[in-house]
Amino acid sequence: MGALFAPMALTAAGSYPSNAVVVAIGISLVFLILVILTLVILLQGKIFDSLAAGKKQKAAAAPAAPPKAAPVVPAPAAPAVEEGIPPEVVAAIAAAVASLEGGKYTLRSLTRVKDGRGAWGLAGVVSGTEPF
């Protein structure tokens, strides 16, 4: 019960802890908490590394299935390209489309965007006029 009134007793007596003591305790507590957090994070890392190693061992111990033959996919037809688009641009766009989702998509045609506001301009208008 007397511990609850200790701050009032210090105030009444007029003896406060010195500034150096307050600073030392504050810095000590901060570094102590940082060390504890570092140890907790290191411990979590060790735990998750051991779990991942266990999963790798289980996967390595499982019998490997024989590789399946890749299905034969016919070569896609050349895309219909609008006149005036350089072949380098067509190749770059076709490569980008083919790289999506592991080659599921192919480029079938390529045309220029009609005059007017482009996709970026439209996105700017939508961004600037949307309500809060």
N, C-alpha and C. Protein backbone atom coordinates (compact mmCIF):
# COMPACT_ATOMS: atom_id res chain seq x y z
N MET A 1 0.84 -1.19 0.00
CA MET A 1 0.00 0.00 0.00
C MET A 1 0.87 1.24 0.00
N GLY A 2 2.01 1.14 0.64
CA GLY A 2 2.90 2.28 0.70
C GLY A 2 3.57 2.57 -0.64
N ALA A 3 3.69 1.54 -1.50
CA ALA A 3 4.33 1.73 -2.80
C ALA A 3 3.49 2.59 -3.71
N LEU A 4 2.17 2.55 -3.53
CA LEU A 4 1.30 3.37 -4.36
C LEU A 4 1.49 4.85 -4.11
N PHE A 5 1.88 5.19 -2.91
CA PHE A 5 2.02 6.60 -2.56
C PHE A 5 3.47 7.07 -2.62
N ALA A 6 4.36 6.24 -3.14
CA ALA A 6 5.77 6.61 -3.19
C ALA A 6 6.01 7.84 -4.05
N PRO A 7 5.40 7.97 -5.26
CA PRO A 7 5.64 9.19 -6.04
C PRO A 7 5.19 10.45 -5.31
N MET A 8 4.08 10.35 -4.58
CA MET A 8 3.63 11.53 -3.85
C MET A 8 4.58 11.85 -2.70
N ALA A 9 5.15 10.82 -2.10
CA ALA A 9 6.09 11.05 -1.00
C ALA A 9 7.35 11.72 -1.53
N LEU A 10 7.81 11.29 -2.73
CA LEU A 10 8.99 11.92 -3.32
C LEU A 10 8.70 13.38 -3.65
N THR A 11 7.52 13.64 -4.17
CA THR A 11 7.16 15.00 -4.52
C THR A 11 7.06 15.86 -3.26
N ALA A 12 6.46 15.30 -2.25
CA ALA A 12 6.29 16.06 -1.02
C ALA A 12 7.64 16.34 -0.36
N ALA A 13 8.55 15.38 -0.46
CA ALA A 13 9.85 15.56 0.18
C ALA A 13 10.75 16.45 -0.66
N GLY A 14 10.44 16.59 -1.96
CA GLY A 14 11.23 17.46 -2.80
C GLY A 14 12.45 16.78 -3.39
N SER A 15 12.57 15.47 -3.27
CA SER A 15 13.74 14.79 -3.83
C SER A 15 13.31 14.04 -5.10
N TYR A 16 13.69 14.59 -6.20
CA TYR A 16 13.40 13.97 -7.50
C TYR A 16 14.64 13.23 -7.96
N PRO A 17 14.47 12.21 -8.81
CA PRO A 17 15.67 11.57 -9.36
C PRO A 17 16.36 12.56 -10.29
N SER A 18 17.65 12.47 -10.37
CA SER A 18 18.39 13.42 -11.19
C SER A 18 18.12 13.14 -12.67
N ASN A 19 18.41 14.13 -13.50
CA ASN A 19 18.20 13.97 -14.94
C ASN A 19 19.05 12.84 -15.50
N ALA A 20 20.23 12.69 -14.99
CA ALA A 20 21.12 11.63 -15.48
C ALA A 20 20.54 10.25 -15.21
N VAL A 21 19.91 10.08 -14.06
CA VAL A 21 19.30 8.79 -13.72
C VAL A 21 18.13 8.51 -14.66
N VAL A 22 17.31 9.50 -14.93
CA VAL A 22 16.17 9.32 -15.81
C VAL A 22 16.64 8.98 -17.23
N VAL A 23 17.65 9.68 -17.72
CA VAL A 23 18.18 9.41 -19.06
C VAL A 23 18.79 8.01 -19.11
N ALA A 24 19.55 7.63 -18.11
CA ALA A 24 20.19 6.32 -18.10
C ALA A 24 19.15 5.20 -18.07
N ILE A 25 18.12 5.37 -17.28
CA ILE A 25 17.06 4.34 -17.23
C ILE A 25 16.33 4.28 -18.56
N GLY A 26 16.04 5.42 -19.15
CA GLY A 26 15.34 5.44 -20.44
C GLY A 26 16.14 4.77 -21.53
N ILE A 27 17.42 5.11 -21.65
CA ILE A 27 18.27 4.51 -22.68
C ILE A 27 18.44 3.02 -22.43
N SER A 28 18.60 2.64 -21.16
CA SER A 28 18.75 1.22 -20.83
C SER A 28 17.51 0.42 -21.23
N LEU A 29 16.34 0.97 -20.94
CA LEU A 29 15.10 0.28 -21.29
C LEU A 29 14.95 0.14 -22.80
N VAL A 30 15.27 1.18 -23.54
CA VAL A 30 15.15 1.13 -25.00
C VAL A 30 16.07 0.05 -25.56
N PHE A 31 17.33 0.01 -25.14
CA PHE A 31 18.25 -1.00 -25.66
C PHE A 31 17.88 -2.40 -25.19
N LEU A 32 17.36 -2.52 -23.99
CA LEU A 32 16.92 -3.83 -23.50
C LEU A 32 15.77 -4.35 -24.36
N ILE A 33 14.81 -3.51 -24.67
CA ILE A 33 13.68 -3.91 -25.51
C ILE A 33 14.17 -4.24 -26.92
N LEU A 34 15.12 -3.48 -27.46
CA LEU A 34 15.67 -3.78 -28.78
C LEU A 34 16.37 -5.13 -28.80
N VAL A 35 17.10 -5.45 -27.76
CA VAL A 35 17.77 -6.75 -27.68
C VAL A 35 16.74 -7.87 -27.61
N ILE A 36 15.70 -7.67 -26.82
CA ILE A 36 14.64 -8.69 -26.70
C ILE A 36 13.95 -8.89 -28.05
N LEU A 37 13.63 -7.80 -28.76
CA LEU A 37 13.00 -7.92 -30.07
C LEU A 37 13.91 -8.64 -31.06
N THR A 38 15.20 -8.34 -31.02
CA THR A 38 16.14 -9.01 -31.91
C THR A 38 16.17 -10.51 -31.63
N LEU A 39 16.19 -10.88 -30.37
CA LEU A 39 16.19 -12.30 -30.02
C LEU A 39 14.91 -12.99 -30.46
N VAL A 40 13.79 -12.33 -30.31
CA VAL A 40 12.51 -12.92 -30.73
C VAL A 40 12.49 -13.12 -32.24
N ILE A 41 12.97 -12.13 -32.99
CA ILE A 41 13.00 -12.24 -34.45
C ILE A 41 13.95 -13.34 -34.89
N LEU A 42 15.13 -13.44 -34.27
CA LEU A 42 16.06 -14.52 -34.59
C LEU A 42 15.46 -15.88 -34.29
N LEU A 43 14.77 -16.00 -33.17
CA LEU A 43 14.12 -17.26 -32.80
C LEU A 43 13.06 -17.64 -33.82
N GLN A 44 12.25 -16.68 -34.25
CA GLN A 44 11.24 -16.97 -35.27
C GLN A 44 11.90 -17.40 -36.58
N GLY A 45 13.00 -16.77 -36.95
CA GLY A 45 13.71 -17.16 -38.16
C GLY A 45 14.20 -18.59 -38.09
N LYS A 46 14.76 -18.97 -36.95
CA LYS A 46 15.24 -20.35 -36.77
C LYS A 46 14.08 -21.34 -36.87
N ILE A 47 12.95 -21.00 -36.26
CA ILE A 47 11.78 -21.88 -36.29
C ILE A 47 11.30 -22.07 -37.73
N PHE A 48 11.15 -20.97 -38.47
CA PHE A 48 10.63 -21.06 -39.83
C PHE A 48 11.63 -21.73 -40.76
N ASP A 49 12.94 -21.53 -40.52
CA ASP A 49 13.95 -22.22 -41.33
C ASP A 49 13.88 -23.73 -41.10
N SER A 50 13.70 -24.15 -39.86
CA SER A 50 13.62 -25.58 -39.58
C SER A 50 12.34 -26.18 -40.17
N LEU A 51 11.23 -25.44 -40.16
CA LEU A 51 10.00 -25.92 -40.80
C LEU A 51 10.18 -26.06 -42.30
N ALA A 52 10.83 -25.10 -42.92
CA ALA A 52 11.06 -25.15 -44.37
C ALA A 52 12.00 -26.30 -44.71
N ALA A 53 13.01 -26.54 -43.89
CA ALA A 53 13.94 -27.64 -44.15
C ALA A 53 13.21 -28.98 -44.03
N GLY A 54 12.29 -29.09 -43.09
CA GLY A 54 11.51 -30.31 -42.94
C GLY A 54 10.63 -30.56 -44.15
N LYS A 55 10.03 -29.51 -44.70
CA LYS A 55 9.21 -29.66 -45.89
C LYS A 55 10.05 -30.07 -47.09
N LYS A 56 11.28 -29.52 -47.20
CA LYS A 56 12.16 -29.88 -48.30
C LYS A 56 12.57 -31.35 -48.20
N GLN A 57 12.83 -31.82 -46.97
CA GLN A 57 13.21 -33.21 -46.79
C GLN A 57 12.05 -34.14 -47.16
N LYS A 58 10.84 -33.77 -46.79
CA LYS A 58 9.68 -34.58 -47.14
C LYS A 58 9.48 -34.60 -48.65
N ALA A 59 9.69 -33.46 -49.29
CA ALA A 59 9.53 -33.40 -50.74
C ALA A 59 10.61 -34.22 -51.43
N ALA A 60 11.83 -34.21 -50.90
CA ALA A 60 12.91 -34.97 -51.50
C ALA A 60 12.71 -36.47 -51.28
N ALA A 61 12.11 -36.85 -50.16
CA ALA A 61 11.89 -38.25 -49.85
C ALA A 61 10.75 -38.84 -50.67
N ALA A 62 9.81 -38.02 -51.12
CA ALA A 62 8.68 -38.51 -51.89
C ALA A 62 9.18 -38.99 -53.25
N PRO A 63 8.60 -40.09 -53.74
CA PRO A 63 9.05 -40.58 -55.05
C PRO A 63 8.67 -39.59 -56.14
N ALA A 64 9.60 -39.38 -57.03
CA ALA A 64 9.37 -38.43 -58.11
C ALA A 64 8.53 -39.09 -59.19
N ALA A 65 7.53 -38.36 -59.64
CA ALA A 65 6.66 -38.87 -60.70
C ALA A 65 7.41 -38.76 -62.02
N PRO A 66 7.18 -39.70 -62.91
CA PRO A 66 7.86 -39.60 -64.20
C PRO A 66 7.41 -38.35 -64.93
N PRO A 67 8.33 -37.69 -65.61
CA PRO A 67 7.94 -36.45 -66.29
C PRO A 67 6.95 -36.74 -67.41
N LYS A 68 5.96 -35.88 -67.49
CA LYS A 68 4.95 -36.03 -68.53
C LYS A 68 5.47 -35.37 -69.80
N ALA A 69 5.10 -35.96 -70.89
CA ALA A 69 5.50 -35.39 -72.17
C ALA A 69 4.72 -34.10 -72.39
N ALA A 70 5.42 -33.09 -72.86
CA ALA A 70 4.77 -31.81 -73.11
C ALA A 70 3.83 -31.95 -74.31
N PRO A 71 2.63 -31.39 -74.20
CA PRO A 71 1.71 -31.49 -75.32
C PRO A 71 2.23 -30.70 -76.52
N VAL A 72 2.01 -31.24 -77.67
CA VAL A 72 2.46 -30.58 -78.89
C VAL A 72 1.46 -29.50 -79.24
N VAL A 73 1.95 -28.28 -79.27
CA VAL A 73 1.10 -27.13 -79.57
C VAL A 73 1.50 -26.62 -80.96
N PRO A 74 0.52 -26.49 -81.82
CA PRO A 74 0.87 -25.97 -83.15
C PRO A 74 1.35 -24.54 -83.05
N ALA A 75 2.24 -24.16 -83.94
CA ALA A 75 2.77 -22.80 -83.94
C ALA A 75 1.65 -21.83 -84.28
N PRO A 76 1.54 -20.73 -83.53
CA PRO A 76 0.48 -19.78 -83.81
C PRO A 76 0.72 -19.08 -85.15
N ALA A 77 -0.38 -18.71 -85.75
CA ALA A 77 -0.29 -18.01 -87.03
C ALA A 77 0.29 -16.62 -86.80
N ALA A 78 0.88 -16.06 -87.83
CA ALA A 78 1.44 -14.72 -87.72
C ALA A 78 0.31 -13.73 -87.43
N PRO A 79 0.54 -12.77 -86.54
CA PRO A 79 -0.52 -11.82 -86.21
C PRO A 79 -0.82 -10.88 -87.37
N ALA A 80 -2.07 -10.48 -87.46
CA ALA A 80 -2.47 -9.49 -88.45
C ALA A 80 -2.04 -8.12 -87.94
N VAL A 81 -1.14 -7.48 -88.66
CA VAL A 81 -0.55 -6.22 -88.21
C VAL A 81 -0.99 -5.10 -89.12
N GLU A 82 -1.42 -4.00 -88.51
CA GLU A 82 -1.80 -2.82 -89.28
C GLU A 82 -0.55 -2.22 -89.92
N GLU A 83 -0.74 -1.67 -91.09
CA GLU A 83 0.38 -1.10 -91.83
C GLU A 83 0.94 0.11 -91.07
N GLY A 84 2.26 0.22 -91.05
CA GLY A 84 2.92 1.35 -90.41
C GLY A 84 3.51 1.02 -89.06
N ILE A 85 3.27 -0.19 -88.53
CA ILE A 85 3.84 -0.60 -87.25
C ILE A 85 5.12 -1.37 -87.55
N PRO A 86 6.26 -0.92 -87.02
CA PRO A 86 7.54 -1.58 -87.32
C PRO A 86 7.56 -3.02 -86.79
N PRO A 87 8.28 -3.92 -87.47
CA PRO A 87 8.34 -5.31 -87.02
C PRO A 87 9.00 -5.47 -85.65
N GLU A 88 9.89 -4.55 -85.28
CA GLU A 88 10.51 -4.62 -83.94
C GLU A 88 9.47 -4.42 -82.85
N VAL A 89 8.54 -3.49 -83.10
CA VAL A 89 7.47 -3.23 -82.12
C VAL A 89 6.56 -4.43 -82.02
N VAL A 90 6.24 -5.03 -83.17
CA VAL A 90 5.38 -6.22 -83.17
C VAL A 90 6.05 -7.35 -82.39
N ALA A 91 7.36 -7.55 -82.61
CA ALA A 91 8.08 -8.61 -81.91
C ALA A 91 8.11 -8.36 -80.41
N ALA A 92 8.32 -7.11 -80.01
CA ALA A 92 8.36 -6.79 -78.57
C ALA A 92 7.01 -7.01 -77.92
N ILE A 93 5.94 -6.60 -78.59
CA ILE A 93 4.60 -6.78 -78.02
C ILE A 93 4.24 -8.26 -77.99
N ALA A 94 4.59 -9.00 -79.03
CA ALA A 94 4.29 -10.43 -79.06
C ALA A 94 5.05 -11.16 -77.96
N ALA A 95 6.29 -10.78 -77.71
CA ALA A 95 7.06 -11.41 -76.64
C ALA A 95 6.46 -11.10 -75.28
N ALA A 96 6.00 -9.87 -75.09
CA ALA A 96 5.38 -9.50 -73.80
C ALA A 96 4.09 -10.28 -73.59
N VAL A 97 3.30 -10.41 -74.63
CA VAL A 97 2.03 -11.14 -74.51
C VAL A 97 2.31 -12.62 -74.26
N ALA A 98 3.29 -13.19 -74.96
CA ALA A 98 3.61 -14.61 -74.79
C ALA A 98 4.17 -14.91 -73.41
N SER A 99 4.85 -13.95 -72.81
CA SER A 99 5.43 -14.19 -71.49
C SER A 99 4.38 -14.18 -70.37
N LEU A 100 3.20 -13.65 -70.66
CA LEU A 100 2.14 -13.63 -69.65
C LEU A 100 1.64 -15.05 -69.42
N GLU A 101 1.55 -15.44 -68.18
CA GLU A 101 0.98 -16.72 -67.78
C GLU A 101 1.64 -17.90 -68.48
N GLY A 102 2.92 -17.83 -68.71
CA GLY A 102 3.66 -18.97 -69.23
C GLY A 102 3.34 -19.32 -70.67
N GLY A 103 2.94 -18.37 -71.46
CA GLY A 103 2.73 -18.63 -72.88
C GLY A 103 1.31 -19.04 -73.24
N LYS A 104 0.34 -18.85 -72.36
CA LYS A 104 -1.05 -19.20 -72.67
C LYS A 104 -1.64 -18.29 -73.75
N TYR A 105 -1.15 -17.08 -73.81
CA TYR A 105 -1.74 -16.10 -74.71
C TYR A 105 -0.84 -15.87 -75.91
N THR A 106 -1.47 -15.58 -77.06
CA THR A 106 -0.72 -15.25 -78.26
C THR A 106 -1.29 -13.97 -78.85
N LEU A 107 -0.48 -13.31 -79.64
CA LEU A 107 -0.88 -12.07 -80.29
C LEU A 107 -1.55 -12.43 -81.62
N ARG A 108 -2.80 -12.03 -81.79
CA ARG A 108 -3.53 -12.35 -83.02
C ARG A 108 -3.59 -11.18 -83.98
N SER A 109 -3.73 -9.99 -83.45
CA SER A 109 -3.75 -8.81 -84.31
C SER A 109 -3.20 -7.62 -83.55
N LEU A 110 -2.75 -6.63 -84.32
CA LEU A 110 -2.16 -5.44 -83.72
C LEU A 110 -2.59 -4.24 -84.53
N THR A 111 -3.32 -3.33 -83.89
CA THR A 111 -3.77 -2.11 -84.56
C THR A 111 -3.44 -0.92 -83.69
N ARG A 112 -3.32 0.22 -84.32
CA ARG A 112 -3.06 1.46 -83.58
C ARG A 112 -4.34 1.93 -82.90
N VAL A 113 -4.16 2.65 -81.80
CA VAL A 113 -5.29 3.23 -81.09
C VAL A 113 -5.79 4.42 -81.89
N LYS A 114 -7.08 4.56 -81.96
CA LYS A 114 -7.67 5.67 -82.71
C LYS A 114 -7.33 6.99 -82.02
N ASP A 115 -7.47 8.07 -82.77
CA ASP A 115 -7.20 9.40 -82.20
C ASP A 115 -8.11 9.65 -81.01
N GLY A 116 -7.64 10.43 -80.10
CA GLY A 116 -8.42 10.74 -78.91
C GLY A 116 -7.55 10.55 -77.68
N ARG A 117 -8.19 10.45 -76.57
CA ARG A 117 -7.48 10.32 -75.32
C ARG A 117 -6.99 8.89 -75.17
N GLY A 118 -5.71 8.72 -74.85
CA GLY A 118 -5.13 7.40 -74.67
C GLY A 118 -5.45 6.84 -73.30
N ALA A 119 -4.94 5.64 -73.05
CA ALA A 119 -5.21 4.97 -71.78
C ALA A 119 -4.66 5.76 -70.60
N TRP A 120 -3.44 6.30 -70.75
CA TRP A 120 -2.84 7.07 -69.65
C TRP A 120 -3.60 8.37 -69.44
N GLY A 121 -4.01 9.01 -70.50
CA GLY A 121 -4.78 10.24 -70.36
C GLY A 121 -6.12 9.99 -69.69
N LEU A 122 -6.76 8.89 -70.09
CA LEU A 122 -8.04 8.54 -69.47
C LEU A 122 -7.85 8.20 -67.99
N ALA A 123 -6.77 7.51 -67.67
CA ALA A 123 -6.50 7.20 -66.26
C ALA A 123 -6.27 8.47 -65.46
N GLY A 124 -5.62 9.47 -66.07
CA GLY A 124 -5.42 10.74 -65.37
C GLY A 124 -6.73 11.47 -65.13
N VAL A 125 -7.62 11.43 -66.10
CA VAL A 125 -8.93 12.08 -65.93
C VAL A 125 -9.72 11.39 -64.84
N VAL A 126 -9.73 10.06 -64.86
CA VAL A 126 -10.47 9.32 -63.85
C VAL A 126 -9.90 9.58 -62.47
N SER A 127 -8.56 9.61 -62.37
CA SER A 127 -7.93 9.85 -61.09
C SER A 127 -8.20 11.25 -60.57
N GLY A 128 -8.23 12.22 -61.48
CA GLY A 128 -8.44 13.60 -61.06
C GLY A 128 -9.87 13.95 -60.76
N THR A 129 -10.82 13.17 -61.26
CA THR A 129 -12.23 13.52 -61.08
C THR A 129 -12.99 12.59 -60.18
N GLU A 130 -12.34 11.56 -59.63
CA GLU A 130 -13.07 10.65 -58.77
C GLU A 130 -13.38 11.34 -57.44
N PRO A 131 -14.52 10.99 -56.84
CA PRO A 131 -14.89 11.64 -55.58
C PRO A 131 -14.00 11.19 -54.44
N PHE A 132 -13.98 11.97 -53.40
CA PHE A 132 -13.18 11.64 -52.22
C PHE A 132 -13.78 10.45 -51.57
